[in-house]
Amino acid sequence: MTGMRETIGNGPRCHASGPSAVFLDDSGTTAPLALCPHRPRMIRLVLRFFPALLLACAIGGCDSPFGPSDVAGTYVLERVGSSPLPAVIGDTDYGSFAILADTFRLERDGSGWEVQVLRVQRHEAGAPATTETSRNPLGYHLTGGRGIEIGYSCGPPNTLCALLNSVPALSGHFTADGLVIDYLEPYVFRRID
């Protein structure tokens, strides 16, 4: 480095010019550049924050770019909150709803589908429990970090259904071994392929 000079306010100046690098204080006295007063502070800052940066990278903060090819796969529901399946997910005046199974399939092109199996027990006297299966096409968008937003496809543009689904229906995040959908309680999915 030749001819490099660092100045802090009106204070001391550090001149770097090869092996004869010097520090020039306010009185004009020179000293080796290693004694430049703000160099140790910079080194301390680097040494203070470098371990934190390494730790963040080690726990996943510096992994490779995250894209659809990283998340394409099949995810099966393991539990809702702390409840294993079947899990009661709603109880209304009409009846109670228990989720028996739920599977997401995410494709590399940002599309996919969800198949969900529910058991519905109507509160009406003598009403039998029914099992309902739904298969819904979807689109997804990856958000900052390891997030995902999911919207369901249901019709051509400018229809009521399409307009309602222009806002993501679900959001969540990917974990080391699956996917968590944030809802009233977290829906925890495990990736199986």
N, C-alpha and C. Protein backbone atom coordinates (compact mmCIF):
# COMPACT_ATOMS: atom_id res chain seq x y z
N MET A 1 0.84 -1.17 0.00
CA MET A 1 0.00 0.00 0.00
C MET A 1 0.89 1.23 0.00
N THR A 2 0.74 2.05 -0.94
CA THR A 2 1.56 3.25 -0.96
C THR A 2 0.68 4.47 -0.92
N GLY A 3 1.10 5.45 -0.13
CA GLY A 3 0.40 6.72 -0.07
C GLY A 3 -0.96 6.67 0.58
N MET A 4 -1.29 5.65 1.37
CA MET A 4 -2.60 5.58 2.01
C MET A 4 -2.54 6.31 3.34
N ARG A 5 -3.56 7.16 3.61
CA ARG A 5 -3.57 7.90 4.87
C ARG A 5 -4.95 7.77 5.49
N GLU A 6 -5.00 7.48 6.78
CA GLU A 6 -6.25 7.39 7.52
C GLU A 6 -6.27 8.50 8.55
N THR A 7 -7.38 9.22 8.67
CA THR A 7 -7.48 10.31 9.62
C THR A 7 -8.76 10.14 10.42
N ILE A 8 -8.68 10.37 11.70
CA ILE A 8 -9.86 10.38 12.56
C ILE A 8 -10.07 11.82 12.98
N GLY A 9 -11.12 12.48 12.48
CA GLY A 9 -11.38 13.89 12.80
C GLY A 9 -10.15 14.74 12.51
N ASN A 10 -9.81 15.61 13.44
CA ASN A 10 -8.62 16.43 13.29
C ASN A 10 -7.45 15.81 14.04
N GLY A 11 -7.61 14.61 14.47
CA GLY A 11 -6.62 13.96 15.32
C GLY A 11 -5.48 13.33 14.54
N PRO A 12 -4.89 12.30 15.09
CA PRO A 12 -3.72 11.66 14.52
C PRO A 12 -4.01 11.09 13.13
N ARG A 13 -2.95 11.00 12.34
CA ARG A 13 -3.06 10.46 10.99
C ARG A 13 -2.14 9.26 10.87
N CYS A 14 -2.62 8.26 10.15
CA CYS A 14 -1.81 7.07 9.92
C CYS A 14 -1.43 7.07 8.45
N HIS A 15 -0.13 7.03 8.18
CA HIS A 15 0.36 6.99 6.81
C HIS A 15 0.86 5.58 6.53
N ALA A 16 0.41 5.01 5.42
CA ALA A 16 0.90 3.69 5.03
C ALA A 16 1.65 3.85 3.73
N SER A 17 2.92 3.54 3.74
CA SER A 17 3.69 3.60 2.50
C SER A 17 4.74 2.50 2.52
N GLY A 18 4.25 1.27 2.32
CA GLY A 18 5.13 0.12 2.26
C GLY A 18 5.76 -0.20 3.62
N PRO A 19 6.99 -0.68 3.62
CA PRO A 19 7.62 -1.09 4.87
C PRO A 19 7.89 0.08 5.80
N SER A 20 7.82 1.32 5.29
CA SER A 20 8.09 2.46 6.15
C SER A 20 6.81 3.12 6.63
N ALA A 21 5.71 2.34 6.78
CA ALA A 21 4.44 2.89 7.23
C ALA A 21 4.61 3.48 8.62
N VAL A 22 4.03 4.68 8.81
CA VAL A 22 4.19 5.36 10.09
C VAL A 22 2.87 5.94 10.56
N PHE A 23 2.84 6.23 11.85
CA PHE A 23 1.74 6.92 12.48
C PHE A 23 2.23 8.32 12.82
N LEU A 24 1.48 9.35 12.45
CA LEU A 24 1.88 10.73 12.71
C LEU A 24 0.87 11.32 13.68
N ASP A 25 1.32 11.66 14.92
CA ASP A 25 0.39 12.22 15.89
C ASP A 25 0.30 13.73 15.71
N ASP A 26 -0.51 14.41 16.56
CA ASP A 26 -0.73 15.85 16.44
C ASP A 26 0.55 16.67 16.59
N SER A 27 1.52 16.17 17.33
CA SER A 27 2.77 16.93 17.54
C SER A 27 3.75 16.71 16.41
N GLY A 28 3.43 15.83 15.47
CA GLY A 28 4.32 15.56 14.37
C GLY A 28 5.27 14.41 14.62
N THR A 29 5.16 13.77 15.76
CA THR A 29 6.01 12.64 16.10
C THR A 29 5.54 11.42 15.32
N THR A 30 6.47 10.65 14.79
CA THR A 30 6.11 9.45 14.05
C THR A 30 6.35 8.22 14.89
N ALA A 31 5.57 7.17 14.58
CA ALA A 31 5.70 5.88 15.25
C ALA A 31 5.32 4.81 14.24
N PRO A 32 5.68 3.54 14.48
CA PRO A 32 5.27 2.47 13.55
C PRO A 32 3.76 2.43 13.40
N LEU A 33 3.30 2.08 12.19
CA LEU A 33 1.86 2.04 11.89
C LEU A 33 1.11 1.11 12.84
N ALA A 34 1.74 0.10 13.32
CA ALA A 34 1.07 -0.83 14.25
C ALA A 34 0.58 -0.11 15.49
N LEU A 35 1.17 1.05 15.81
CA LEU A 35 0.76 1.81 16.98
C LEU A 35 -0.35 2.81 16.68
N CYS A 36 -0.84 2.84 15.45
CA CYS A 36 -1.92 3.75 15.08
C CYS A 36 -3.08 3.53 16.05
N PRO A 37 -3.59 4.59 16.71
CA PRO A 37 -4.54 4.40 17.81
C PRO A 37 -5.86 3.76 17.43
N HIS A 38 -6.36 3.90 16.20
CA HIS A 38 -7.66 3.30 15.88
C HIS A 38 -7.52 1.92 15.27
N ARG A 39 -6.35 1.49 14.92
CA ARG A 39 -6.19 0.13 14.40
C ARG A 39 -6.57 -0.92 15.44
N PRO A 40 -6.09 -0.83 16.68
CA PRO A 40 -6.48 -1.84 17.67
C PRO A 40 -7.99 -1.89 17.87
N ARG A 41 -8.65 -0.73 17.84
CA ARG A 41 -10.10 -0.70 18.02
C ARG A 41 -10.77 -1.44 16.87
N MET A 42 -10.31 -1.25 15.65
CA MET A 42 -10.88 -1.96 14.51
C MET A 42 -10.65 -3.46 14.64
N ILE A 43 -9.46 -3.84 15.06
CA ILE A 43 -9.16 -5.26 15.23
C ILE A 43 -10.03 -5.86 16.32
N ARG A 44 -10.22 -5.11 17.42
CA ARG A 44 -11.10 -5.61 18.50
C ARG A 44 -12.52 -5.80 18.00
N LEU A 45 -13.02 -4.85 17.18
CA LEU A 45 -14.38 -4.99 16.64
C LEU A 45 -14.50 -6.22 15.76
N VAL A 46 -13.51 -6.42 14.90
CA VAL A 46 -13.54 -7.59 14.02
C VAL A 46 -13.50 -8.87 14.85
N LEU A 47 -12.61 -8.90 15.83
CA LEU A 47 -12.50 -10.10 16.67
C LEU A 47 -13.74 -10.32 17.51
N ARG A 48 -14.43 -9.25 17.90
CA ARG A 48 -15.64 -9.37 18.71
C ARG A 48 -16.80 -9.95 17.88
N PHE A 49 -16.95 -9.47 16.63
CA PHE A 49 -18.10 -9.87 15.83
C PHE A 49 -17.85 -11.09 14.94
N PHE A 50 -16.63 -11.43 14.68
CA PHE A 50 -16.33 -12.57 13.83
C PHE A 50 -16.87 -13.89 14.40
N PRO A 51 -16.69 -14.19 15.70
CA PRO A 51 -17.28 -15.43 16.23
C PRO A 51 -18.80 -15.48 16.09
N ALA A 52 -19.47 -14.33 16.27
CA ALA A 52 -20.93 -14.31 16.11
C ALA A 52 -21.31 -14.60 14.67
N LEU A 53 -20.55 -14.06 13.72
CA LEU A 53 -20.80 -14.33 12.31
C LEU A 53 -20.61 -15.80 12.00
N LEU A 54 -19.55 -16.39 12.51
CA LEU A 54 -19.32 -17.82 12.31
C LEU A 54 -20.45 -18.66 12.91
N LEU A 55 -20.91 -18.29 14.10
CA LEU A 55 -22.00 -19.02 14.73
C LEU A 55 -23.27 -18.91 13.90
N ALA A 56 -23.58 -17.71 13.40
CA ALA A 56 -24.77 -17.54 12.57
C ALA A 56 -24.68 -18.41 11.32
N CYS A 57 -23.52 -18.47 10.71
CA CYS A 57 -23.35 -19.31 9.52
C CYS A 57 -23.51 -20.79 9.87
N ALA A 58 -22.99 -21.17 11.03
CA ALA A 58 -23.06 -22.58 11.42
C ALA A 58 -24.48 -23.04 11.66
N ILE A 59 -25.36 -22.15 12.12
CA ILE A 59 -26.74 -22.57 12.39
C ILE A 59 -27.67 -22.24 11.23
N GLY A 60 -27.10 -21.98 10.07
CA GLY A 60 -27.94 -21.88 8.87
C GLY A 60 -28.09 -20.49 8.30
N GLY A 61 -27.46 -19.50 8.87
CA GLY A 61 -27.61 -18.16 8.35
C GLY A 61 -26.84 -17.90 7.07
N CYS A 62 -25.90 -18.74 6.70
CA CYS A 62 -25.09 -18.50 5.51
C CYS A 62 -25.16 -19.66 4.54
N ASP A 63 -26.27 -20.37 4.53
CA ASP A 63 -26.36 -21.48 3.60
C ASP A 63 -26.57 -20.94 2.19
N SER A 64 -26.52 -21.82 1.25
CA SER A 64 -26.60 -21.41 -0.15
C SER A 64 -27.95 -20.78 -0.45
N PRO A 65 -28.06 -20.09 -1.57
CA PRO A 65 -29.34 -19.48 -1.93
C PRO A 65 -30.46 -20.52 -1.90
N PHE A 66 -31.63 -20.07 -1.50
CA PHE A 66 -32.77 -20.93 -1.25
C PHE A 66 -33.76 -20.73 -2.38
N GLY A 67 -34.07 -21.80 -3.13
CA GLY A 67 -34.98 -21.68 -4.26
C GLY A 67 -35.91 -22.87 -4.37
N PRO A 68 -36.81 -22.83 -5.35
CA PRO A 68 -37.79 -23.90 -5.52
C PRO A 68 -37.17 -25.29 -5.67
N SER A 69 -36.01 -25.40 -6.28
CA SER A 69 -35.41 -26.74 -6.42
C SER A 69 -34.97 -27.28 -5.07
N ASP A 70 -34.74 -26.40 -4.08
CA ASP A 70 -34.36 -26.84 -2.74
C ASP A 70 -35.55 -27.37 -1.95
N VAL A 71 -36.75 -26.90 -2.26
CA VAL A 71 -37.92 -27.26 -1.46
C VAL A 71 -38.87 -28.22 -2.16
N ALA A 72 -38.65 -28.45 -3.46
CA ALA A 72 -39.54 -29.36 -4.19
C ALA A 72 -39.53 -30.72 -3.51
N GLY A 73 -40.72 -31.23 -3.23
CA GLY A 73 -40.82 -32.52 -2.56
C GLY A 73 -42.19 -32.70 -1.95
N THR A 74 -42.33 -33.77 -1.19
CA THR A 74 -43.60 -34.13 -0.55
C THR A 74 -43.45 -33.98 0.95
N TYR A 75 -44.44 -33.34 1.56
CA TYR A 75 -44.43 -33.06 2.99
C TYR A 75 -45.71 -33.61 3.60
N VAL A 76 -45.58 -34.42 4.65
CA VAL A 76 -46.76 -35.02 5.30
C VAL A 76 -46.90 -34.45 6.71
N LEU A 77 -48.14 -34.21 7.08
CA LEU A 77 -48.44 -33.65 8.40
C LEU A 77 -48.17 -34.68 9.49
N GLU A 78 -47.41 -34.27 10.50
CA GLU A 78 -47.13 -35.13 11.65
C GLU A 78 -47.95 -34.74 12.87
N ARG A 79 -48.13 -33.43 13.06
CA ARG A 79 -48.87 -32.98 14.24
C ARG A 79 -49.39 -31.57 14.03
N VAL A 80 -50.40 -31.22 14.82
CA VAL A 80 -50.94 -29.87 14.85
C VAL A 80 -50.66 -29.35 16.26
N GLY A 81 -49.81 -28.37 16.38
CA GLY A 81 -49.36 -27.93 17.70
C GLY A 81 -48.63 -29.09 18.35
N SER A 82 -49.09 -29.47 19.53
CA SER A 82 -48.48 -30.62 20.21
C SER A 82 -49.31 -31.89 20.05
N SER A 83 -50.40 -31.82 19.27
CA SER A 83 -51.31 -32.96 19.12
C SER A 83 -50.94 -33.81 17.90
N PRO A 84 -50.70 -35.11 18.11
CA PRO A 84 -50.48 -36.00 16.96
C PRO A 84 -51.80 -36.21 16.22
N LEU A 85 -51.72 -36.80 15.04
CA LEU A 85 -52.93 -37.07 14.26
C LEU A 85 -53.65 -38.30 14.78
N PRO A 86 -54.96 -38.36 14.70
CA PRO A 86 -55.87 -37.31 14.26
C PRO A 86 -55.95 -36.20 15.31
N ALA A 87 -56.01 -34.96 14.84
CA ALA A 87 -56.03 -33.79 15.72
C ALA A 87 -57.30 -32.99 15.47
N VAL A 88 -58.00 -32.66 16.53
CA VAL A 88 -59.20 -31.82 16.40
C VAL A 88 -58.74 -30.41 16.07
N ILE A 89 -59.25 -29.88 14.95
CA ILE A 89 -58.83 -28.55 14.53
C ILE A 89 -59.96 -27.52 14.60
N GLY A 90 -61.15 -27.97 14.95
CA GLY A 90 -62.25 -27.03 15.07
C GLY A 90 -63.48 -27.69 15.67
N ASP A 91 -64.24 -26.89 16.41
CA ASP A 91 -65.49 -27.36 16.99
C ASP A 91 -66.46 -26.19 16.91
N THR A 92 -67.48 -26.31 16.08
CA THR A 92 -68.45 -25.24 15.86
C THR A 92 -69.84 -25.74 16.22
N ASP A 93 -70.83 -24.87 16.04
CA ASP A 93 -72.22 -25.28 16.25
C ASP A 93 -72.61 -26.40 15.30
N TYR A 94 -72.01 -26.41 14.12
CA TYR A 94 -72.31 -27.43 13.11
C TYR A 94 -71.75 -28.79 13.51
N GLY A 95 -70.50 -28.81 13.96
CA GLY A 95 -69.87 -30.08 14.29
C GLY A 95 -68.41 -29.90 14.65
N SER A 96 -67.74 -31.02 14.87
CA SER A 96 -66.30 -30.97 15.16
C SER A 96 -65.54 -31.53 13.96
N PHE A 97 -64.33 -31.01 13.79
CA PHE A 97 -63.50 -31.36 12.64
C PHE A 97 -62.16 -31.85 13.15
N ALA A 98 -61.78 -33.04 12.68
CA ALA A 98 -60.48 -33.60 13.03
C ALA A 98 -59.71 -33.85 11.75
N ILE A 99 -58.45 -33.47 11.75
CA ILE A 99 -57.62 -33.71 10.58
C ILE A 99 -56.98 -35.09 10.72
N LEU A 100 -57.20 -35.93 9.71
CA LEU A 100 -56.66 -37.28 9.71
C LEU A 100 -55.34 -37.36 8.96
N ALA A 101 -55.22 -36.55 7.89
CA ALA A 101 -54.01 -36.55 7.07
C ALA A 101 -53.97 -35.25 6.28
N ASP A 102 -52.77 -34.83 5.97
CA ASP A 102 -52.57 -33.64 5.14
C ASP A 102 -51.21 -33.80 4.46
N THR A 103 -51.18 -33.57 3.16
CA THR A 103 -49.95 -33.72 2.39
C THR A 103 -49.81 -32.56 1.42
N PHE A 104 -48.63 -31.96 1.40
CA PHE A 104 -48.28 -30.95 0.40
C PHE A 104 -47.30 -31.57 -0.57
N ARG A 105 -47.50 -31.30 -1.85
CA ARG A 105 -46.51 -31.64 -2.87
C ARG A 105 -46.11 -30.32 -3.53
N LEU A 106 -44.84 -29.96 -3.41
CA LEU A 106 -44.33 -28.73 -4.00
C LEU A 106 -43.46 -29.08 -5.20
N GLU A 107 -43.74 -28.46 -6.34
CA GLU A 107 -42.98 -28.69 -7.56
C GLU A 107 -41.94 -27.59 -7.73
N ARG A 108 -40.97 -27.84 -8.60
CA ARG A 108 -39.89 -26.88 -8.83
C ARG A 108 -40.35 -25.60 -9.51
N ASP A 109 -41.49 -25.64 -10.18
CA ASP A 109 -41.96 -24.47 -10.92
C ASP A 109 -42.84 -23.54 -10.08
N GLY A 110 -42.93 -23.77 -8.77
CA GLY A 110 -43.74 -22.91 -7.91
C GLY A 110 -45.19 -23.35 -7.80
N SER A 111 -45.53 -24.49 -8.39
CA SER A 111 -46.89 -25.02 -8.29
C SER A 111 -46.88 -26.20 -7.32
N GLY A 112 -48.04 -26.75 -7.12
CA GLY A 112 -48.14 -27.92 -6.25
C GLY A 112 -49.58 -28.26 -5.97
N TRP A 113 -49.79 -29.05 -4.96
CA TRP A 113 -51.14 -29.42 -4.54
C TRP A 113 -51.12 -29.83 -3.08
N GLU A 114 -52.30 -29.81 -2.48
CA GLU A 114 -52.48 -30.27 -1.11
C GLU A 114 -53.64 -31.25 -1.09
N VAL A 115 -53.45 -32.37 -0.43
CA VAL A 115 -54.54 -33.32 -0.20
C VAL A 115 -54.74 -33.38 1.31
N GLN A 116 -55.99 -33.13 1.72
CA GLN A 116 -56.32 -33.10 3.14
C GLN A 116 -57.50 -34.02 3.39
N VAL A 117 -57.41 -34.81 4.46
CA VAL A 117 -58.49 -35.72 4.84
C VAL A 117 -58.99 -35.29 6.22
N LEU A 118 -60.30 -34.97 6.28
CA LEU A 118 -60.94 -34.53 7.52
C LEU A 118 -62.03 -35.50 7.93
N ARG A 119 -62.20 -35.65 9.24
CA ARG A 119 -63.36 -36.36 9.78
C ARG A 119 -64.27 -35.30 10.36
N VAL A 120 -65.53 -35.30 9.90
CA VAL A 120 -66.51 -34.32 10.35
C VAL A 120 -67.58 -35.05 11.16
N GLN A 121 -67.75 -34.62 12.37
CA GLN A 121 -68.79 -35.18 13.24
C GLN A 121 -69.81 -34.09 13.51
N ARG A 122 -70.97 -34.19 12.85
CA ARG A 122 -72.02 -33.18 13.05
C ARG A 122 -72.62 -33.34 14.44
N HIS A 123 -73.01 -32.25 15.04
CA HIS A 123 -73.59 -32.27 16.38
C HIS A 123 -75.07 -32.66 16.37
N GLU A 124 -75.64 -32.78 15.23
CA GLU A 124 -77.04 -33.18 15.08
C GLU A 124 -77.21 -34.59 15.62
N ALA A 125 -78.24 -34.82 16.40
CA ALA A 125 -78.46 -36.14 17.01
C ALA A 125 -78.53 -37.23 15.95
N GLY A 126 -77.74 -38.27 16.14
CA GLY A 126 -77.75 -39.42 15.25
C GLY A 126 -76.99 -39.24 13.94
N ALA A 127 -76.40 -38.07 13.74
CA ALA A 127 -75.67 -37.83 12.49
C ALA A 127 -74.37 -38.64 12.49
N PRO A 128 -74.11 -39.38 11.42
CA PRO A 128 -72.89 -40.17 11.36
C PRO A 128 -71.67 -39.28 11.07
N ALA A 129 -70.54 -39.73 11.52
CA ALA A 129 -69.30 -39.04 11.17
C ALA A 129 -69.01 -39.31 9.70
N THR A 130 -68.50 -38.30 9.01
CA THR A 130 -68.13 -38.46 7.61
C THR A 130 -66.65 -38.14 7.44
N THR A 131 -66.08 -38.73 6.41
CA THR A 131 -64.69 -38.43 6.07
C THR A 131 -64.70 -37.71 4.74
N GLU A 132 -64.05 -36.54 4.71
CA GLU A 132 -64.02 -35.74 3.50
C GLU A 132 -62.58 -35.55 3.05
N THR A 133 -62.35 -35.78 1.77
CA THR A 133 -61.02 -35.61 1.19
C THR A 133 -61.08 -34.48 0.17
N SER A 134 -60.12 -33.57 0.27
CA SER A 134 -60.06 -32.49 -0.70
C SER A 134 -58.66 -32.47 -1.32
N ARG A 135 -58.62 -32.17 -2.62
CA ARG A 135 -57.34 -32.03 -3.33
C ARG A 135 -57.37 -30.67 -3.99
N ASN A 136 -56.44 -29.80 -3.59
CA ASN A 136 -56.45 -28.43 -4.07
C ASN A 136 -55.13 -28.07 -4.73
N PRO A 137 -55.17 -27.59 -5.99
CA PRO A 137 -53.95 -27.09 -6.62
C PRO A 137 -53.53 -25.79 -5.94
N LEU A 138 -52.24 -25.54 -5.94
CA LEU A 138 -51.74 -24.35 -5.27
C LEU A 138 -50.54 -23.78 -6.00
N GLY A 139 -50.20 -22.58 -5.62
CA GLY A 139 -48.97 -21.94 -6.06
C GLY A 139 -48.25 -21.47 -4.81
N TYR A 140 -46.93 -21.42 -4.87
CA TYR A 140 -46.20 -20.95 -3.71
C TYR A 140 -45.10 -20.00 -4.11
N HIS A 141 -44.70 -19.20 -3.14
CA HIS A 141 -43.66 -18.20 -3.35
C HIS A 141 -42.75 -18.26 -2.13
N LEU A 142 -41.45 -18.32 -2.36
CA LEU A 142 -40.49 -18.34 -1.27
C LEU A 142 -40.20 -16.91 -0.86
N THR A 143 -40.14 -16.69 0.45
CA THR A 143 -39.89 -15.35 0.98
C THR A 143 -38.53 -15.34 1.67
N GLY A 144 -38.09 -14.17 2.08
CA GLY A 144 -36.78 -14.01 2.69
C GLY A 144 -36.43 -15.09 3.69
N GLY A 145 -35.19 -15.45 3.74
CA GLY A 145 -34.76 -16.52 4.63
C GLY A 145 -35.28 -17.85 4.16
N ARG A 146 -36.07 -18.51 4.99
CA ARG A 146 -36.60 -19.84 4.66
C ARG A 146 -38.12 -19.85 4.68
N GLY A 147 -38.73 -18.72 4.36
CA GLY A 147 -40.18 -18.60 4.42
C GLY A 147 -40.88 -19.04 3.15
N ILE A 148 -42.19 -19.28 3.27
CA ILE A 148 -43.03 -19.67 2.13
C ILE A 148 -44.40 -19.04 2.31
N GLU A 149 -45.00 -18.63 1.19
CA GLU A 149 -46.39 -18.20 1.15
C GLU A 149 -47.10 -19.07 0.12
N ILE A 150 -48.28 -19.55 0.48
CA ILE A 150 -49.03 -20.47 -0.37
C ILE A 150 -50.40 -19.87 -0.68
N GLY A 151 -50.77 -19.92 -1.94
CA GLY A 151 -52.09 -19.51 -2.37
C GLY A 151 -52.73 -20.65 -3.16
N TYR A 152 -54.04 -20.77 -3.07
CA TYR A 152 -54.73 -21.86 -3.75
C TYR A 152 -55.29 -21.40 -5.07
N SER A 153 -55.15 -22.25 -6.09
CA SER A 153 -55.68 -21.97 -7.43
C SER A 153 -57.13 -22.45 -7.46
N CYS A 154 -58.00 -21.60 -8.02
CA CYS A 154 -59.40 -22.03 -8.03
C CYS A 154 -60.17 -21.51 -9.22
N GLY A 155 -59.56 -20.76 -10.07
CA GLY A 155 -60.33 -20.28 -11.21
C GLY A 155 -59.54 -19.29 -12.04
N PRO A 156 -60.13 -18.85 -13.14
CA PRO A 156 -59.45 -17.91 -14.02
C PRO A 156 -59.28 -16.55 -13.35
N PRO A 157 -58.38 -15.71 -13.88
CA PRO A 157 -58.18 -14.38 -13.32
C PRO A 157 -59.48 -13.58 -13.28
N ASN A 158 -59.57 -12.66 -12.34
CA ASN A 158 -60.69 -11.74 -12.16
C ASN A 158 -61.98 -12.41 -11.70
N THR A 159 -61.94 -13.66 -11.27
CA THR A 159 -63.12 -14.26 -10.65
C THR A 159 -63.01 -14.00 -9.15
N LEU A 160 -64.11 -14.13 -8.43
CA LEU A 160 -64.10 -13.87 -6.99
C LEU A 160 -63.09 -14.77 -6.29
N CYS A 161 -63.08 -16.03 -6.64
CA CYS A 161 -62.17 -16.98 -6.00
C CYS A 161 -60.72 -16.57 -6.24
N ALA A 162 -60.39 -16.21 -7.48
CA ALA A 162 -59.02 -15.81 -7.80
C ALA A 162 -58.64 -14.53 -7.06
N LEU A 163 -59.59 -13.58 -6.95
CA LEU A 163 -59.30 -12.34 -6.24
C LEU A 163 -59.09 -12.60 -4.74
N LEU A 164 -59.91 -13.46 -4.17
CA LEU A 164 -59.74 -13.79 -2.75
C LEU A 164 -58.41 -14.47 -2.49
N ASN A 165 -57.94 -15.25 -3.45
CA ASN A 165 -56.69 -15.98 -3.26
C ASN A 165 -55.47 -15.22 -3.77
N SER A 166 -55.64 -13.94 -4.14
CA SER A 166 -54.48 -13.17 -4.55
C SER A 166 -53.61 -12.84 -3.34
N VAL A 167 -54.18 -12.88 -2.15
CA VAL A 167 -53.42 -12.74 -0.91
C VAL A 167 -53.11 -14.16 -0.45
N PRO A 168 -51.86 -14.45 -0.07
CA PRO A 168 -51.53 -15.82 0.32
C PRO A 168 -52.46 -16.35 1.41
N ALA A 169 -52.92 -17.56 1.22
CA ALA A 169 -53.81 -18.19 2.19
C ALA A 169 -53.04 -18.69 3.40
N LEU A 170 -51.81 -19.13 3.18
CA LEU A 170 -51.00 -19.70 4.25
C LEU A 170 -49.58 -19.15 4.17
N SER A 171 -48.95 -19.10 5.31
CA SER A 171 -47.52 -18.77 5.32
C SER A 171 -46.85 -19.68 6.32
N GLY A 172 -45.56 -19.85 6.16
CA GLY A 172 -44.82 -20.73 7.06
C GLY A 172 -43.34 -20.62 6.79
N HIS A 173 -42.62 -21.62 7.25
CA HIS A 173 -41.17 -21.64 7.06
C HIS A 173 -40.67 -23.08 7.01
N PHE A 174 -39.54 -23.24 6.36
CA PHE A 174 -38.92 -24.56 6.24
C PHE A 174 -37.99 -24.78 7.42
N THR A 175 -37.94 -26.04 7.86
CA THR A 175 -37.05 -26.45 8.94
C THR A 175 -36.02 -27.40 8.34
N ALA A 176 -35.14 -27.90 9.18
CA ALA A 176 -34.10 -28.83 8.70
C ALA A 176 -34.71 -30.09 8.10
N ASP A 177 -35.86 -30.54 8.61
CA ASP A 177 -36.45 -31.80 8.12
C ASP A 177 -37.87 -31.65 7.62
N GLY A 178 -38.33 -30.42 7.38
CA GLY A 178 -39.69 -30.30 6.89
C GLY A 178 -40.17 -28.87 6.74
N LEU A 179 -41.43 -28.68 7.10
CA LEU A 179 -42.14 -27.44 6.86
C LEU A 179 -43.08 -27.19 8.03
N VAL A 180 -43.19 -25.95 8.47
CA VAL A 180 -44.16 -25.56 9.49
C VAL A 180 -45.06 -24.50 8.88
N ILE A 181 -46.37 -24.76 8.88
CA ILE A 181 -47.35 -23.79 8.41
C ILE A 181 -47.90 -23.09 9.64
N ASP A 182 -47.83 -21.76 9.62
CA ASP A 182 -48.29 -20.96 10.75
C ASP A 182 -49.79 -20.74 10.61
N TYR A 183 -50.53 -21.26 11.57
CA TYR A 183 -51.97 -21.10 11.58
C TYR A 183 -52.36 -20.81 13.02
N LEU A 184 -53.54 -21.16 13.46
CA LEU A 184 -53.87 -20.96 14.87
C LEU A 184 -52.88 -21.69 15.76
N GLU A 185 -52.53 -22.88 15.35
CA GLU A 185 -51.44 -23.64 15.94
C GLU A 185 -50.54 -24.06 14.79
N PRO A 186 -49.26 -24.26 15.03
CA PRO A 186 -48.39 -24.65 13.91
C PRO A 186 -48.71 -26.05 13.41
N TYR A 187 -48.81 -26.18 12.09
CA TYR A 187 -48.97 -27.48 11.44
C TYR A 187 -47.57 -27.93 11.05
N VAL A 188 -47.10 -29.02 11.63
CA VAL A 188 -45.72 -29.48 11.45
C VAL A 188 -45.70 -30.64 10.46
N PHE A 189 -45.02 -30.40 9.33
CA PHE A 189 -44.91 -31.39 8.25
C PHE A 189 -43.49 -31.93 8.19
N ARG A 190 -43.37 -33.19 7.84
CA ARG A 190 -42.05 -33.83 7.64
C ARG A 190 -41.89 -34.09 6.15
N ARG A 191 -40.71 -33.78 5.64
CA ARG A 191 -40.42 -34.06 4.23
C ARG A 191 -40.11 -35.52 4.07
N ILE A 192 -40.76 -36.17 3.07
CA ILE A 192 -40.54 -37.62 2.90
C ILE A 192 -39.77 -37.96 1.62
N ASP A 193 -39.49 -36.99 0.77
CA ASP A 193 -38.63 -37.24 -0.41
C ASP A 193 -37.86 -36.01 -0.80
